[in-house]
Amino acid sequence: MIFLDEVDPLSSPMKAKGVGELGLCGVAAAIANAVYNATGVRVRDYPVTLDKHLAHLPRMT
């Protein structure tokens, strides 16, 4: 985190800018891909919930 000496209207009220959000960009995609690899069902709408997942599973006979 970098604290700014001057006022920046785009920064947070704490007058700080962070880069931690960049590391979180791929987490949801990685989880959705892990669900696909485990079950063979690709859910493309976030959040990946059980009702969306079960709707695409093949019927058991």
Protein backbone atom coordinates (compact mmCIF):
# COMPACT_ATOMS: atom_id res chain seq x y z
CA MET A 1 0.00 0.00 0.00
CA ILE A 2 1.25 3.45 -0.87
CA PHE A 3 0.10 6.47 1.11
CA LEU A 4 -0.16 9.68 -0.89
CA ASP A 5 1.06 13.09 0.25
CA GLU A 6 -1.28 15.05 -2.02
CA VAL A 7 -5.05 14.75 -2.38
CA ASP A 8 -6.18 12.41 -5.16
CA PRO A 9 -9.92 12.39 -5.92
CA LEU A 10 -9.67 8.84 -7.28
CA SER A 11 -8.09 7.33 -4.18
CA SER A 12 -9.88 5.98 -1.15
CA PRO A 13 -10.91 8.16 1.82
CA MET A 14 -7.83 6.79 3.60
CA LYS A 15 -5.68 8.45 0.91
CA ALA A 16 -4.18 5.11 -0.09
CA LYS A 17 -4.01 3.05 -3.25
CA GLY A 18 -3.65 -0.72 -3.25
CA VAL A 19 -2.92 -3.40 -5.83
CA GLY A 20 -4.35 -6.36 -3.92
CA GLU A 21 -7.41 -6.55 -6.14
CA LEU A 22 -5.31 -7.58 -9.13
CA GLY A 23 -4.44 -10.90 -7.53
CA LEU A 24 -8.11 -11.78 -7.02
CA CYS A 25 -9.21 -11.42 -10.64
CA GLY A 26 -8.82 -15.07 -11.60
CA VAL A 27 -10.14 -16.73 -8.43
CA ALA A 28 -13.76 -17.09 -9.56
CA ALA A 29 -12.71 -18.42 -12.96
CA ALA A 30 -10.33 -20.91 -11.34
CA ILE A 31 -13.08 -22.21 -9.04
CA ALA A 32 -15.55 -22.50 -11.93
CA ASN A 33 -12.92 -24.37 -13.95
CA ALA A 34 -12.23 -26.73 -11.02
CA VAL A 35 -15.97 -27.48 -10.77
CA TYR A 36 -16.01 -28.21 -14.50
CA ASN A 37 -12.98 -30.50 -14.23
CA ALA A 38 -14.57 -32.40 -11.35
CA THR A 39 -18.07 -32.80 -12.80
CA GLY A 40 -17.96 -32.11 -16.53
CA VAL A 41 -20.59 -29.37 -16.20
CA ARG A 42 -19.62 -25.88 -17.32
CA VAL A 43 -21.54 -23.13 -15.49
CA ARG A 44 -20.94 -19.76 -17.13
CA ASP A 45 -23.05 -17.55 -14.84
CA TYR A 46 -21.58 -16.32 -11.57
CA PRO A 47 -21.98 -17.18 -8.81
CA VAL A 48 -21.71 -20.91 -9.44
CA THR A 49 -24.53 -22.22 -7.28
CA LEU A 50 -25.85 -25.71 -6.77
CA ASP A 51 -29.16 -25.04 -8.54
CA LYS A 52 -27.36 -23.83 -11.70
CA HIS A 53 -25.04 -26.80 -11.55
CA LEU A 54 -27.69 -29.47 -10.98
CA ALA A 55 -29.80 -28.16 -13.87
CA HIS A 56 -27.08 -29.20 -16.32
CA LEU A 57 -26.19 -32.63 -14.91
CA PRO A 58 -27.24 -35.60 -17.06
CA ARG A 59 -30.30 -37.53 -15.85
CA MET A 60 -29.65 -40.82 -14.10
CA THR A 61 -31.73 -43.74 -15.40
